[in-house]
PDB file of N, CA and C in Angstrom:
ATOM      1  N   MET A   1       0.825  -1.180   0.000  1.00  0.00           N
ATOM      2  CA  MET A   1       0.000   0.000   0.000  1.00  0.00           C
ATOM      3  C   MET A   1       0.878   1.255   0.000  1.00  0.00           C
ATOM      4  N   ALA A   2       0.405   2.218  -0.743  1.00  0.00           N
ATOM      5  CA  ALA A   2       1.095   3.503  -0.752  1.00  0.00           C
ATOM      6  C   ALA A   2       0.776   4.238   0.544  1.00  0.00           C
ATOM      7  N   ASN A   3       1.705   5.050   0.969  1.00  0.00           N
ATOM      8  CA  ASN A   3       1.418   5.813   2.179  1.00  0.00           C
ATOM      9  C   ASN A   3       1.520   7.312   1.910  1.00  0.00           C
ATOM     10  N   THR A   4       1.011   7.723   0.756  1.00  0.00           N
ATOM     11  CA  THR A   4       0.949   9.127   0.408  1.00  0.00           C
ATOM     12  C   THR A   4      -0.148   9.790   1.231  1.00  0.00           C
ATOM     13  N   PRO A   5       0.126  10.933   1.833  1.00  0.00           N
ATOM     14  CA  PRO A   5      -0.854  11.549   2.717  1.00  0.00           C
ATOM     15  C   PRO A   5      -2.178  11.998   2.080  1.00  0.00           C
ATOM     16  N   HIS A   6      -2.227  12.332   0.806  1.00  0.00           N
ATOM     17  CA  HIS A   6      -3.458  12.760   0.125  1.00  0.00           C
ATOM     18  C   HIS A   6      -4.058  14.029   0.731  1.00  0.00           C
ATOM     19  N   GLU A   7      -3.240  14.991   1.072  1.00  0.00           N
ATOM     20  CA  GLU A   7      -3.756  16.260   1.586  1.00  0.00           C
ATOM     21  C   GLU A   7      -4.481  16.993   0.463  1.00  0.00           C
ATOM     22  N   LEU A   8      -5.502  17.758   0.800  1.00  0.00           N
ATOM     23  CA  LEU A   8      -6.293  18.445  -0.210  1.00  0.00           C
ATOM     24  C   LEU A   8      -5.455  19.413  -1.046  1.00  0.00           C
ATOM     25  N   ALA A   9      -4.493  20.067  -0.441  1.00  0.00           N
ATOM     26  CA  ALA A   9      -3.634  20.991  -1.186  1.00  0.00           C
ATOM     27  C   ALA A   9      -2.822  20.253  -2.258  1.00  0.00           C
ATOM     28  N   GLU A  10      -2.536  18.993  -2.025  1.00  0.00           N
ATOM     29  CA  GLU A  10      -1.824  18.173  -3.007  1.00  0.00           C
ATOM     30  C   GLU A  10      -2.790  17.598  -4.040  1.00  0.00           C
ATOM     31  N   GLU A  11      -4.008  17.292  -3.608  1.00  0.00           N
ATOM     32  CA  GLU A  11      -5.015  16.729  -4.502  1.00  0.00           C
ATOM     33  C   GLU A  11      -5.540  17.788  -5.476  1.00  0.00           C
ATOM     34  N   PHE A  12      -5.704  19.020  -4.982  1.00  0.00           N
ATOM     35  CA  PHE A  12      -6.244  20.120  -5.783  1.00  0.00           C
ATOM     36  C   PHE A  12      -5.332  21.343  -5.660  1.00  0.00           C
ATOM     37  N   PRO A  13      -4.100  21.263  -6.155  1.00  0.00           N
ATOM     38  CA  PRO A  13      -3.153  22.372  -5.939  1.00  0.00           C
ATOM     39  C   PRO A  13      -3.619  23.704  -6.538  1.00  0.00           C
ATOM     40  N   ALA A  14      -4.307  23.665  -7.657  1.00  0.00           N
ATOM     41  CA  ALA A  14      -4.766  24.907  -8.286  1.00  0.00           C
ATOM     42  C   ALA A  14      -5.929  25.537  -7.526  1.00  0.00           C
ATOM     43  N   GLU A  15      -6.525  24.800  -6.609  1.00  0.00           N
ATOM     44  CA  GLU A  15      -7.699  25.272  -5.883  1.00  0.00           C
ATOM     45  C   GLU A  15      -7.396  25.626  -4.428  1.00  0.00           C
ATOM     46  N   ALA A  16      -6.135  25.683  -4.050  1.00  0.00           N
ATOM     47  CA  ALA A  16      -5.782  25.924  -2.641  1.00  0.00           C
ATOM     48  C   ALA A  16      -6.393  27.212  -2.109  1.00  0.00           C
ATOM     49  N   GLY A  17      -6.341  28.276  -2.870  1.00  0.00           N
ATOM     50  CA  GLY A  17      -6.921  29.545  -2.435  1.00  0.00           C
ATOM     51  C   GLY A  17      -8.427  29.460  -2.286  1.00  0.00           C
ATOM     52  N   LYS A  18      -9.060  28.783  -3.228  1.00  0.00           N
ATOM     53  CA  LYS A  18     -10.509  28.645  -3.181  1.00  0.00           C
ATOM     54  C   LYS A  18     -10.931  27.785  -1.990  1.00  0.00           C
ATOM     55  N   ILE A  19     -10.151  26.755  -1.685  1.00  0.00           N
ATOM     56  CA  ILE A  19     -10.434  25.910  -0.522  1.00  0.00           C
ATOM     57  C   ILE A  19     -10.415  26.762   0.748  1.00  0.00           C
ATOM     58  N   SER A  20      -9.391  27.573   0.898  1.00  0.00           N
ATOM     59  CA  SER A  20      -9.284  28.433   2.085  1.00  0.00           C
ATOM     60  C   SER A  20     -10.450  29.404   2.168  1.00  0.00           C
ATOM     61  N   ALA A  21     -10.794  30.020   1.039  1.00  0.00           N
ATOM     62  CA  ALA A  21     -11.880  30.992   1.027  1.00  0.00           C
ATOM     63  C   ALA A  21     -13.215  30.333   1.359  1.00  0.00           C
ATOM     64  N   LEU A  22     -13.483  29.174   0.766  1.00  0.00           N
ATOM     65  CA  LEU A  22     -14.752  28.491   1.020  1.00  0.00           C
ATOM     66  C   LEU A  22     -14.857  28.006   2.464  1.00  0.00           C
ATOM     67  N   LYS A  23     -13.744  27.599   3.043  1.00  0.00           N
ATOM     68  CA  LYS A  23     -13.773  27.174   4.448  1.00  0.00           C
ATOM     69  C   LYS A  23     -14.207  28.320   5.349  1.00  0.00           C
ATOM     70  N   GLU A  24     -13.878  29.546   4.958  1.00  0.00           N
ATOM     71  CA  GLU A  24     -14.221  30.730   5.745  1.00  0.00           C
ATOM     72  C   GLU A  24     -15.684  31.139   5.576  1.00  0.00           C
ATOM     73  N   THR A  25     -16.251  30.865   4.392  1.00  0.00           N
ATOM     74  CA  THR A  25     -17.582  31.402   4.086  1.00  0.00           C
ATOM     75  C   THR A  25     -18.682  30.357   3.988  1.00  0.00           C
ATOM     76  N   ASP A  26     -18.324  29.086   3.928  1.00  0.00           N
ATOM     77  CA  ASP A  26     -19.307  28.021   3.709  1.00  0.00           C
ATOM     78  C   ASP A  26     -19.139  26.958   4.793  1.00  0.00           C
ATOM     79  N   ALA A  27     -20.038  26.969   5.766  1.00  0.00           N
ATOM     80  CA  ALA A  27     -19.923  26.052   6.909  1.00  0.00           C
ATOM     81  C   ALA A  27     -20.000  24.591   6.476  1.00  0.00           C
ATOM     82  N   HIS A  28     -20.848  24.284   5.510  1.00  0.00           N
ATOM     83  CA  HIS A  28     -20.956  22.900   5.035  1.00  0.00           C
ATOM     84  C   HIS A  28     -19.644  22.455   4.393  1.00  0.00           C
ATOM     85  N   PHE A  29     -19.068  23.312   3.579  1.00  0.00           N
ATOM     86  CA  PHE A  29     -17.782  22.996   2.947  1.00  0.00           C
ATOM     87  C   PHE A  29     -16.705  22.798   4.012  1.00  0.00           C
ATOM     88  N   ALA A  30     -16.692  23.662   5.005  1.00  0.00           N
ATOM     89  CA  ALA A  30     -15.699  23.548   6.081  1.00  0.00           C
ATOM     90  C   ALA A  30     -15.835  22.200   6.794  1.00  0.00           C
ATOM     91  N   ARG A  31     -17.089  21.746   7.019  1.00  0.00           N
ATOM     92  CA  ARG A  31     -17.296  20.434   7.661  1.00  0.00           C
ATOM     93  C   ARG A  31     -16.802  19.304   6.759  1.00  0.00           C
ATOM     94  N   LEU A  32     -17.062  19.415   5.449  1.00  0.00           N
ATOM     95  CA  LEU A  32     -16.577  18.392   4.518  1.00  0.00           C
ATOM     96  C   LEU A  32     -15.053  18.291   4.567  1.00  0.00           C
ATOM     97  N   VAL A  33     -14.400  19.436   4.566  1.00  0.00           N
ATOM     98  CA  VAL A  33     -12.933  19.465   4.596  1.00  0.00           C
ATOM     99  C   VAL A  33     -12.424  18.864   5.902  1.00  0.00           C
ATOM    100  N   GLU A  34     -13.030  19.224   7.015  1.00  0.00           N
ATOM    101  CA  GLU A  34     -12.596  18.685   8.312  1.00  0.00           C
ATOM    102  C   GLU A  34     -12.796  17.176   8.361  1.00  0.00           C
ATOM    103  N   GLU A  35     -13.938  16.713   7.878  1.00  0.00           N
ATOM    104  CA  GLU A  35     -14.197  15.269   7.864  1.00  0.00           C
ATOM    105  C   GLU A  35     -13.214  14.552   6.949  1.00  0.00           C
ATOM    106  N   TYR A  36     -12.927  15.157   5.787  1.00  0.00           N
ATOM    107  CA  TYR A  36     -11.938  14.578   4.865  1.00  0.00           C
ATOM    108  C   TYR A  36     -10.598  14.430   5.578  1.00  0.00           C
ATOM    109  N   HIS A  37     -10.143  15.493   6.241  1.00  0.00           N
ATOM    110  CA  HIS A  37      -8.851  15.444   6.928  1.00  0.00           C
ATOM    111  C   HIS A  37      -8.838  14.376   8.022  1.00  0.00           C
ATOM    112  N   GLU A  38      -9.931  14.251   8.750  1.00  0.00           N
ATOM    113  CA  GLU A  38     -10.007  13.257   9.816  1.00  0.00           C
ATOM    114  C   GLU A  38      -9.904  11.836   9.241  1.00  0.00           C
ATOM    115  N   VAL A  39     -10.677  11.560   8.207  1.00  0.00           N
ATOM    116  CA  VAL A  39     -10.645  10.234   7.576  1.00  0.00           C
ATOM    117  C   VAL A  39      -9.285  10.001   6.927  1.00  0.00           C
ATOM    118  N   ASN A  40      -8.759  11.018   6.274  1.00  0.00           N
ATOM    119  CA  ASN A  40      -7.460  10.892   5.616  1.00  0.00           C
ATOM    120  C   ASN A  40      -6.355  10.572   6.617  1.00  0.00           C
ATOM    121  N   ARG A  41      -6.394  11.212   7.775  1.00  0.00           N
ATOM    122  CA  ARG A  41      -5.388  10.920   8.816  1.00  0.00           C
ATOM    123  C   ARG A  41      -5.488   9.466   9.278  1.00  0.00           C
ATOM    124  N   LYS A  42      -6.716   8.973   9.430  1.00  0.00           N
ATOM    125  CA  LYS A  42      -6.896   7.580   9.843  1.00  0.00           C
ATOM    126  C   LYS A  42      -6.328   6.619   8.802  1.00  0.00           C
ATOM    127  N   VAL A  43      -6.601   6.899   7.535  1.00  0.00           N
ATOM    128  CA  VAL A  43      -6.072   6.046   6.461  1.00  0.00           C
ATOM    129  C   VAL A  43      -4.547   6.089   6.462  1.00  0.00           C
ATOM    130  N   HIS A  44      -3.992   7.274   6.561  1.00  0.00           N
ATOM    131  CA  HIS A  44      -2.530   7.415   6.538  1.00  0.00           C
ATOM    132  C   HIS A  44      -1.893   6.691   7.727  1.00  0.00           C
ATOM    133  N   ARG A  45      -2.492   6.806   8.899  1.00  0.00           N
ATOM    134  CA  ARG A  45      -1.951   6.125  10.081  1.00  0.00           C
ATOM    135  C   ARG A  45      -2.050   4.609   9.925  1.00  0.00           C
ATOM    136  N   ALA A  46      -3.097   4.139   9.271  1.00  0.00           N
ATOM    137  CA  ALA A  46      -3.220   2.698   9.018  1.00  0.00           C
ATOM    138  C   ALA A  46      -2.170   2.246   8.001  1.00  0.00           C
ATOM    139  N   GLU A  47      -1.988   3.033   6.950  1.00  0.00           N
ATOM    140  CA  GLU A  47      -1.009   2.680   5.907  1.00  0.00           C
ATOM    141  C   GLU A  47       0.410   2.611   6.449  1.00  0.00           C
ATOM    142  N   THR A  48       0.739   3.508   7.357  1.00  0.00           N
ATOM    143  CA  THR A  48       2.096   3.557   7.905  1.00  0.00           C
ATOM    144  C   THR A  48       2.255   2.671   9.136  1.00  0.00           C
ATOM    145  N   LEU A  49       1.185   1.930   9.458  1.00  0.00           N
ATOM    146  CA  LEU A  49       1.172   0.984  10.578  1.00  0.00           C
ATOM    147  C   LEU A  49       1.343   1.654  11.938  1.00  0.00           C
ATOM    148  N   VAL A  50       1.065   2.954  12.001  1.00  0.00           N
ATOM    149  CA  VAL A  50       1.055   3.640  13.290  1.00  0.00           C
ATOM    150  C   VAL A  50      -0.149   3.150  14.092  1.00  0.00           C
ATOM    151  N   GLU A  51      -1.277   2.985  13.391  1.00  0.00           N
ATOM    152  CA  GLU A  51      -2.492   2.440  13.990  1.00  0.00           C
ATOM    153  C   GLU A  51      -3.060   1.393  13.029  1.00  0.00           C
ATOM    154  N   PRO A  52      -2.491   0.192  13.036  1.00  0.00           N
ATOM    155  CA  PRO A  52      -2.972  -0.849  12.121  1.00  0.00           C
ATOM    156  C   PRO A  52      -4.450  -1.156  12.359  1.00  0.00           C
ATOM    157  N   MET A  53      -5.128  -1.557  11.287  1.00  0.00           N
ATOM    158  CA  MET A  53      -6.541  -1.911  11.390  1.00  0.00           C
ATOM    159  C   MET A  53      -6.847  -3.025  10.404  1.00  0.00           C
ATOM    160  N   ALA A  54      -8.002  -3.591  10.545  1.00  0.00           N
ATOM    161  CA  ALA A  54      -8.436  -4.652   9.639  1.00  0.00           C
ATOM    162  C   ALA A  54      -8.504  -4.099   8.213  1.00  0.00           C
ATOM    163  N   PRO A  55      -8.086  -4.892   7.246  1.00  0.00           N
ATOM    164  CA  PRO A  55      -8.105  -4.430   5.852  1.00  0.00           C
ATOM    165  C   PRO A  55      -9.490  -3.950   5.401  1.00  0.00           C
ATOM    166  N   GLU A  56     -10.532  -4.591   5.880  1.00  0.00           N
ATOM    167  CA  GLU A  56     -11.890  -4.195   5.495  1.00  0.00           C
ATOM    168  C   GLU A  56     -12.211  -2.789   6.002  1.00  0.00           C
ATOM    169  N   HIS A  57     -11.782  -2.504   7.217  1.00  0.00           N
ATOM    170  CA  HIS A  57     -12.031  -1.171   7.792  1.00  0.00           C
ATOM    171  C   HIS A  57     -11.235  -0.114   7.023  1.00  0.00           C
ATOM    172  N   GLU A  58     -10.000  -0.422   6.682  1.00  0.00           N
ATOM    173  CA  GLU A  58      -9.182   0.514   5.914  1.00  0.00           C
ATOM    174  C   GLU A  58      -9.817   0.772   4.544  1.00  0.00           C
ATOM    175  N   THR A  59     -10.333  -0.278   3.915  1.00  0.00           N
ATOM    176  CA  THR A  59     -11.006  -0.132   2.623  1.00  0.00           C
ATOM    177  C   THR A  59     -12.236   0.762   2.755  1.00  0.00           C
ATOM    178  N   ASP A  60     -13.002   0.571   3.815  1.00  0.00           N
ATOM    179  CA  ASP A  60     -14.180   1.412   4.049  1.00  0.00           C
ATOM    180  C   ASP A  60     -13.783   2.876   4.230  1.00  0.00           C
ATOM    181  N   LEU A  61     -12.699   3.112   4.968  1.00  0.00           N
ATOM    182  CA  LEU A  61     -12.231   4.482   5.152  1.00  0.00           C
ATOM    183  C   LEU A  61     -11.763   5.089   3.833  1.00  0.00           C
ATOM    184  N   ARG A  62     -11.111   4.299   3.001  1.00  0.00           N
ATOM    185  CA  ARG A  62     -10.672   4.802   1.690  1.00  0.00           C
ATOM    186  C   ARG A  62     -11.881   5.199   0.837  1.00  0.00           C
ATOM    187  N   LYS A  63     -12.932   4.394   0.887  1.00  0.00           N
ATOM    188  CA  LYS A  63     -14.153   4.713   0.138  1.00  0.00           C
ATOM    189  C   LYS A  63     -14.781   5.998   0.664  1.00  0.00           C
ATOM    190  N   GLN A  64     -14.796   6.141   1.983  1.00  0.00           N
ATOM    191  CA  GLN A  64     -15.345   7.347   2.593  1.00  0.00           C
ATOM    192  C   GLN A  64     -14.524   8.570   2.182  1.00  0.00           C
ATOM    193  N   ARG A  65     -13.197   8.427   2.197  1.00  0.00           N
ATOM    194  CA  ARG A  65     -12.320   9.532   1.786  1.00  0.00           C
ATOM    195  C   ARG A  65     -12.587   9.920   0.338  1.00  0.00           C
ATOM    196  N   SER A  66     -12.753   8.923  -0.515  1.00  0.00           N
ATOM    197  CA  SER A  66     -13.020   9.188  -1.926  1.00  0.00           C
ATOM    198  C   SER A  66     -14.354   9.914  -2.114  1.00  0.00           C
ATOM    199  N   ALA A  67     -15.373   9.490  -1.392  1.00  0.00           N
ATOM    200  CA  ALA A  67     -16.681  10.133  -1.491  1.00  0.00           C
ATOM    201  C   ALA A  67     -16.601  11.585  -1.011  1.00  0.00           C
ATOM    202  N   LEU A  68     -15.883  11.824   0.062  1.00  0.00           N
ATOM    203  CA  LEU A  68     -15.718  13.187   0.555  1.00  0.00           C
ATOM    204  C   LEU A  68     -14.954  14.042  -0.443  1.00  0.00           C
ATOM    205  N   LYS A  69     -13.927  13.465  -1.032  1.00  0.00           N
ATOM    206  CA  LYS A  69     -13.146  14.205  -2.030  1.00  0.00           C
ATOM    207  C   LYS A  69     -14.025  14.575  -3.219  1.00  0.00           C
ATOM    208  N   ASP A  70     -14.891  13.667  -3.631  1.00  0.00           N
ATOM    209  CA  ASP A  70     -15.821  13.955  -4.727  1.00  0.00           C
ATOM    210  C   ASP A  70     -16.758  15.105  -4.357  1.00  0.00           C
ATOM    211  N   GLN A  71     -17.276  15.095  -3.132  1.00  0.00           N
ATOM    212  CA  GLN A  71     -18.172  16.174  -2.691  1.00  0.00           C
ATOM    213  C   GLN A  71     -17.437  17.508  -2.640  1.00  0.00           C
ATOM    214  N   ILE A  72     -16.201  17.468  -2.169  1.00  0.00           N
ATOM    215  CA  ILE A  72     -15.395  18.690  -2.105  1.00  0.00           C
ATOM    216  C   ILE A  72     -15.157  19.218  -3.516  1.00  0.00           C
ATOM    217  N   TRP A  73     -14.826  18.335  -4.454  1.00  0.00           N
ATOM    218  CA  TRP A  73     -14.595  18.761  -5.829  1.00  0.00           C
ATOM    219  C   TRP A  73     -15.858  19.363  -6.438  1.00  0.00           C
ATOM    220  N   GLN A  74     -17.005  18.765  -6.161  1.00  0.00           N
ATOM    221  CA  GLN A  74     -18.259  19.310  -6.673  1.00  0.00           C
ATOM    222  C   GLN A  74     -18.469  20.741  -6.202  1.00  0.00           C
ATOM    223  N   ARG A  75     -18.182  20.997  -4.929  1.00  0.00           N
ATOM    224  CA  ARG A  75     -18.325  22.357  -4.388  1.00  0.00           C
ATOM    225  C   ARG A  75     -17.306  23.299  -5.002  1.00  0.00           C
ATOM    226  N   LEU A  76     -16.077  22.802  -5.216  1.00  0.00           N
ATOM    227  CA  LEU A  76     -15.029  23.651  -5.795  1.00  0.00           C
ATOM    228  C   LEU A  76     -15.321  24.009  -7.242  1.00  0.00           C
ATOM    229  N   SER A  77     -15.920  23.080  -7.964  1.00  0.00           N
ATOM    230  CA  SER A  77     -16.132  23.309  -9.394  1.00  0.00           C
ATOM    231  C   SER A  77     -17.487  23.935  -9.699  1.00  0.00           C
ATOM    232  N   ALA A  78     -18.277  24.199  -8.659  1.00  0.00           N
ATOM    233  CA  ALA A  78     -19.611  24.804  -8.871  1.00  0.00           C
ATOM    234  C   ALA A  78     -19.492  26.265  -9.248  1.00  0.00           C
TER     235      ALA A  78
END
């Protein structure tokens, strides 16, 4: 497994300014970003074996991270 952190600034580098601005003005977007970071940290900690977990749970977290990233992108591209 790769252990790339998948931070939003790396995922959407051209949108970093817009991410910051939306976090300030859109409470729903800010919650999506916070939830993404929380799930992403859990995945990264599992990948690096800091907090190992069952493969099924890690897969579920990856799916959740992907769904959140999709929602964030939808808001960014609106």
